[in-house]
Protein backbone atom coordinates (compact mmCIF):
# COMPACT_ATOMS: atom_id res chain seq x y z
CA MET A 1 13.89 210.21 16.83
CA LYS A 2 15.31 210.86 20.22
CA SER A 3 12.26 212.92 21.07
CA GLN A 4 9.98 210.05 20.13
CA ILE A 5 11.98 207.58 22.24
CA LYS A 6 11.83 209.97 25.19
CA LYS A 7 8.00 210.36 24.86
CA THR A 8 7.55 206.65 24.72
CA ALA A 9 9.70 206.09 27.83
CA ILE A 10 7.70 208.68 29.83
CA THR A 11 4.39 207.07 28.70
CA ALA A 12 5.61 203.68 29.81
CA CYS A 13 6.74 205.11 33.08
CA PHE A 14 3.26 206.57 33.90
CA ALA A 15 1.59 203.27 32.87
CA LEU A 16 3.80 201.38 35.29
CA MET A 17 3.08 203.74 38.10
CA SER A 18 -0.74 203.32 37.49
CA ILE A 19 -0.37 199.59 37.66
CA VAL A 20 1.51 199.74 40.96
CA THR A 21 -0.98 202.11 42.44
CA LEU A 22 -3.94 199.91 41.47
CA ALA A 23 -2.25 196.89 42.96
CA GLN A 24 -1.86 198.78 46.24
CA VAL A 25 -5.49 199.87 46.66
CA ARG A 26 -7.28 196.89 45.13
CA PRO A 27 -9.40 195.16 47.83
CA ASN A 28 -8.44 191.59 48.72
CA ASP A 29 -11.12 189.28 47.23
CA ASN A 30 -9.88 186.44 49.54
CA PRO A 31 -9.38 187.68 53.10
CA PRO A 32 -7.42 185.40 55.42
CA THR A 33 -9.35 183.08 57.63
CA PRO A 34 -9.63 184.60 61.13
CA PRO A 35 -7.76 182.63 63.88
CA ALA A 36 -9.67 180.18 65.99
CA GLY A 37 -11.37 181.91 68.91
CA GLY A 38 -11.19 185.33 67.19
CA PRO A 39 -14.02 187.63 66.07
CA GLY A 40 -14.78 185.38 63.09
CA GLU A 41 -15.38 182.31 65.12
CA MET A 42 -18.79 180.69 64.52
CA LEU A 43 -20.75 180.79 67.86
CA PRO A 44 -22.44 177.68 69.07
CA ARG A 45 -26.10 177.32 68.30
CA PRO A 46 -28.51 178.20 71.09
CA GLY A 47 -28.96 175.37 73.57
CA ARG A 48 -25.46 173.95 73.02
CA ASN A 49 -22.25 174.65 74.75
CA ARG A 50 -18.78 174.79 73.17
CA GLY A 51 -18.32 171.10 73.65
CA GLY A 52 -21.38 170.47 71.48
CA LEU A 53 -23.43 168.93 74.32
CA GLU A 54 -26.93 170.07 74.97
CA GLY A 55 -27.22 172.60 77.80
CA GLY A 56 -28.39 170.71 80.92
CA ALA A 57 -27.85 167.02 81.15
CA LEU A 58 -30.87 164.81 80.94
CA LYS A 59 -31.89 163.16 84.20
CA VAL A 60 -33.11 159.52 84.40
CA LEU A 61 -36.05 159.40 86.85
CA THR A 62 -36.45 156.42 89.17
CA SER A 63 -39.21 155.72 91.72
CA LEU A 64 -38.93 155.06 95.48
CA ASN A 65 -41.68 153.73 97.66
CA GLY A 66 -41.82 154.15 101.45
CA LYS A 67 -43.07 155.99 104.39
CA VAL A 68 -42.30 159.52 105.43
CA ILE A 69 -40.29 159.65 108.59
CA ALA A 70 -39.64 163.40 109.31
CA TYR A 71 -39.31 166.71 107.54
CA GLN A 72 -36.08 168.71 107.73
CA THR A 73 -35.15 172.43 107.30
CA ASN A 74 -32.08 174.04 105.70
CA ASP A 75 -29.91 176.77 107.37
CA ARG A 76 -32.68 179.39 106.65
CA TYR A 77 -35.22 177.45 108.72
CA ILE A 78 -37.18 176.49 105.50
CA TYR A 79 -38.43 172.92 105.07
CA ASN A 80 -36.79 171.53 101.86
CA SER A 81 -36.36 167.76 102.53
CA PHE A 82 -37.78 164.71 104.30
CA THR A 83 -36.43 161.31 105.20
CA LEU A 84 -38.04 158.24 103.63
CA GLN A 85 -38.11 154.73 105.01
CA ASN A 86 -37.48 152.69 101.85
CA GLY A 87 -37.24 149.05 102.91
CA SER A 88 -34.18 148.85 105.22
CA GLN A 89 -32.75 152.13 103.88
CA VAL A 90 -33.44 155.72 105.11
CA ILE A 91 -33.19 158.04 102.27
CA THR A 92 -33.18 161.88 102.24
CA VAL A 93 -35.58 163.36 99.67
CA ARG A 94 -35.13 166.98 98.77
CA PHE A 95 -37.93 169.02 97.35
CA PRO A 96 -38.49 172.66 96.10
CA GLU A 97 -39.09 175.03 98.99
CA GLN A 98 -42.30 176.37 97.52
CA LEU A 99 -43.88 172.81 97.94
CA GLY A 100 -43.19 172.67 101.56
CA LYS A 101 -46.64 173.55 102.81
CA GLN A 102 -48.38 171.32 100.30
CA LEU A 103 -46.23 168.32 101.00
CA MET A 104 -46.29 168.59 104.76
CA SER A 105 -50.17 168.80 104.65
CA ALA A 106 -50.74 165.94 102.15
CA ALA A 107 -47.79 163.65 102.99
CA ALA A 108 -47.51 164.00 106.70
CA LYS A 109 -45.28 161.84 108.90
CA GLY A 110 -46.17 158.11 108.50
CA LYS A 111 -47.80 158.46 105.13
CA SER A 112 -46.97 155.99 102.33
CA VAL A 113 -45.76 157.76 99.23
CA THR A 114 -44.21 157.06 95.80
CA VAL A 115 -41.49 159.52 94.84
CA LYS A 116 -40.15 159.98 91.35
CA GLY A 117 -36.83 161.74 91.03
CA PHE A 118 -32.97 161.44 90.60
CA THR A 119 -29.93 161.19 92.77
CA ASP A 120 -28.12 164.54 93.11
CA ASN A 121 -25.29 165.94 95.09
CA GLY A 122 -26.50 168.20 97.97
CA PRO A 123 -24.95 171.49 98.93
CA ASP A 124 -23.03 169.68 101.79
CA GLY A 125 -21.64 167.13 99.46
CA VAL A 126 -23.99 164.33 100.50
CA ASN A 127 -26.00 162.58 97.92
CA VAL A 128 -29.83 163.13 98.14
CA PHE A 129 -32.79 162.08 96.14
CA GLN A 130 -34.17 165.11 94.29
CA MET A 131 -37.97 164.94 93.92
CA ALA A 132 -39.62 165.51 90.58
CA SER A 133 -43.12 164.38 91.65
CA LEU A 134 -44.76 162.65 94.63
CA LEU A 135 -47.90 160.45 94.72
CA VAL A 136 -49.86 160.26 97.95
CA ASP A 137 -53.41 158.93 98.44
CA GLY A 138 -54.03 159.12 94.64
CA THR A 139 -52.92 162.79 94.55
CA GLN A 140 -49.80 163.73 92.57
CA ILE A 141 -47.69 166.74 93.60
CA VAL A 142 -45.32 167.90 90.88
CA ASP A 143 -42.31 170.20 90.96
CA THR A 144 -43.33 173.51 89.33
CA PRO A 145 -41.35 176.75 89.04
CA PRO A 146 -41.94 179.03 92.02
CA THR A 147 -43.93 182.21 91.73
CA ALA A 148 -42.00 185.41 92.22
CA PRO A 149 -42.58 186.85 95.67
CA VAL A 150 -44.68 190.06 95.62
CA ILE A 151 -42.57 192.91 97.07
CA PRO A 152 -43.93 196.46 97.08
CA VAL A 153 -41.84 198.67 94.88
CA ASN A 154 -41.81 201.33 97.53
CA ALA A 155 -40.91 199.01 100.45
CA GLN A 156 -39.10 200.87 103.13
CA PRO A 157 -36.48 199.43 105.44
CA GLY A 158 -37.48 198.92 109.02
CA THR A 159 -35.41 199.50 112.20
CA PHE A 160 -34.54 196.63 114.40
CA THR A 161 -32.66 196.58 117.71
CA GLY A 162 -31.47 193.89 120.05
CA LYS A 163 -28.46 192.38 121.78
CA ILE A 164 -26.15 189.85 120.11
CA SER A 165 -26.84 186.51 121.56
CA ASP A 166 -24.55 184.55 119.29
CA PHE A 167 -23.35 184.34 115.72
CA LYS A 168 -24.88 182.60 112.74
CA ARG A 169 -22.26 180.28 111.21
CA ASP A 170 -22.08 178.20 108.04
CA GLN A 171 -21.16 174.47 108.02
CA GLY A 172 -17.46 175.44 107.93
CA GLY A 173 -17.81 177.52 111.11
CA ALA A 174 -17.44 180.91 109.37
CA ILE A 175 -19.62 183.77 110.67
CA ARG A 176 -22.38 184.62 108.32
CA GLY A 177 -24.62 186.83 110.53
CA LEU A 178 -25.84 187.82 113.92
CA ASN A 179 -28.51 186.20 116.10
CA LEU A 180 -30.18 188.76 118.36
CA ASP A 181 -31.87 188.08 121.70
CA ASN A 182 -35.31 188.92 120.30
CA LYS A 183 -35.46 186.21 117.61
CA ILE A 184 -34.04 188.41 114.89
CA GLN A 185 -31.33 187.20 112.64
CA VAL A 186 -29.23 189.71 110.71
CA ASP A 187 -27.52 188.47 107.50
CA LEU A 188 -24.10 190.13 106.96
CA PRO A 189 -22.14 190.16 103.66
CA PRO A 190 -18.55 188.66 103.99
CA PRO A 191 -16.82 192.01 103.50
CA ALA A 192 -18.78 193.48 106.40
CA ILE A 193 -17.93 190.55 108.57
CA GLU A 194 -14.19 190.92 107.84
CA GLN A 195 -14.32 194.63 108.82
CA LEU A 196 -16.67 194.47 111.74
CA GLN A 197 -15.83 191.09 113.37
CA SER A 198 -13.53 192.64 115.96
CA LEU A 199 -16.31 195.03 117.00
CA LEU A 200 -19.04 192.43 117.28
CA LYS A 201 -19.26 190.84 120.76
CA ALA A 202 -22.04 188.80 122.43
CA GLY A 203 -24.08 190.97 124.70
CA ASP A 204 -23.49 194.24 122.66
CA LYS A 205 -26.56 196.08 121.57
CA VAL A 206 -26.92 196.76 117.87
CA LYS A 207 -29.35 198.86 115.75
CA VAL A 208 -30.05 197.67 112.20
CA THR A 209 -31.99 199.17 109.37
CA GLY A 210 -32.99 196.78 106.60
CA ILE A 211 -35.60 194.79 104.73
CA LYS A 212 -37.40 191.81 106.45
CA GLU A 213 -37.29 188.62 104.45
CA ILE A 214 -40.69 187.41 103.44
CA PRO A 215 -40.79 183.80 102.15
CA PRO A 216 -42.59 183.06 98.80
CA SER A 217 -45.99 181.50 98.79
CA GLY A 218 -45.98 177.81 99.61
CA VAL A 219 -42.83 177.84 101.66
CA ALA A 220 -43.09 176.22 105.15
CA LEU A 221 -40.95 177.68 107.95
CA GLU A 222 -39.81 175.91 111.07
CA THR A 223 -41.86 176.71 114.14
CA GLY A 224 -40.01 179.47 116.12
CA ALA A 225 -37.85 180.52 113.13
CA PRO A 226 -36.29 183.89 113.55
CA THR A 227 -37.08 186.95 111.51
CA ILE A 228 -34.32 187.32 108.93
CA ILE A 229 -33.16 190.87 108.11
CA HIS A 230 -31.19 191.95 105.07
CA PRO A 231 -29.43 195.03 106.49
CA GLU A 232 -28.56 198.31 104.89
CA THR A 233 -26.99 199.91 107.98
CA ILE A 234 -25.85 198.69 111.35
CA GLU A 235 -25.04 200.79 114.49
CA ILE A 236 -22.39 199.38 116.92
CA ASN A 237 -21.24 201.34 119.91
CA GLY A 238 -22.76 204.56 118.61
CA GLN A 239 -21.09 204.20 115.16
CA THR A 240 -23.20 203.58 112.08
CA TYR A 241 -21.88 201.56 109.11
CA LEU A 242 -23.36 201.39 105.57
CA LEU A 243 -23.57 197.79 104.42
CA ARG A 244 -25.14 198.16 100.95
C-alpha cells in the first residue's frame, strides 16, 4: 500500500513539473501594446506629417496688375525679382532664377503685366509677392522646375590668382568670401573663415584651386558680375590649405 502511494506521489510530482515547464515556455498570444513613439508606432501615411496635415500648405493665388519698374539681383548677382508699380504701391515680385532671361526679354522695364502669385516671406524677412505666372502682351510665362545644370563628370578644378580687394559679407556683416582684384569671388565655408580670417588681409595675393560656378540655363546675371569660385585649396603667404 505504501509503495502504491509513493508511486502515485511521484507521478503527480512529474505531472506538476511538466505543467510548470509548459507555462514558462508557452508563447504569449496577447503581446503588450508597444509604447507610443516606439517601434510599433504606426507611421503617418505618405504626404502627411505627424500632425495629420498635408505636406506643404496650399497657396491662395491672387493677381496684380501694373508696370515693371526695375529688375533686381540677389547676393550672387543673379536676377530673381522686379519691382511693380501697382496703383500707388510699389511691390517687389520674386521669380525663379531660371526665368530671368525670359522675363527680362518679354517683360522689360515699363511693360504692363499681370502677375499671379502669393505673398511670401523673403530671406531677409521682408514680405514679397512670389510669382506663379506672368502675362505680358498675350504671352504667359509660368514657373516651371529648373533643369539640372550640365556639369562634366570629369570636370577638373582650375587655378585662379589675384589680390584680395575686399571681403564678401552677408546681410549681417559676417565674412562669406573673398573679392579679388580681377573680378573673381571666392566662396569660403564658415569653418575656413574662422581659421583663416587672421591671415586674410586686403592687398595680399592668394592662389586658389577650385570649380568655377556656371549658372543654369535661363538665369540672367548682372552685367559685370564676378566669376564665382568654389575652392578646394587656397594658398596664403606660401602656405596651402585644403578647404574640401
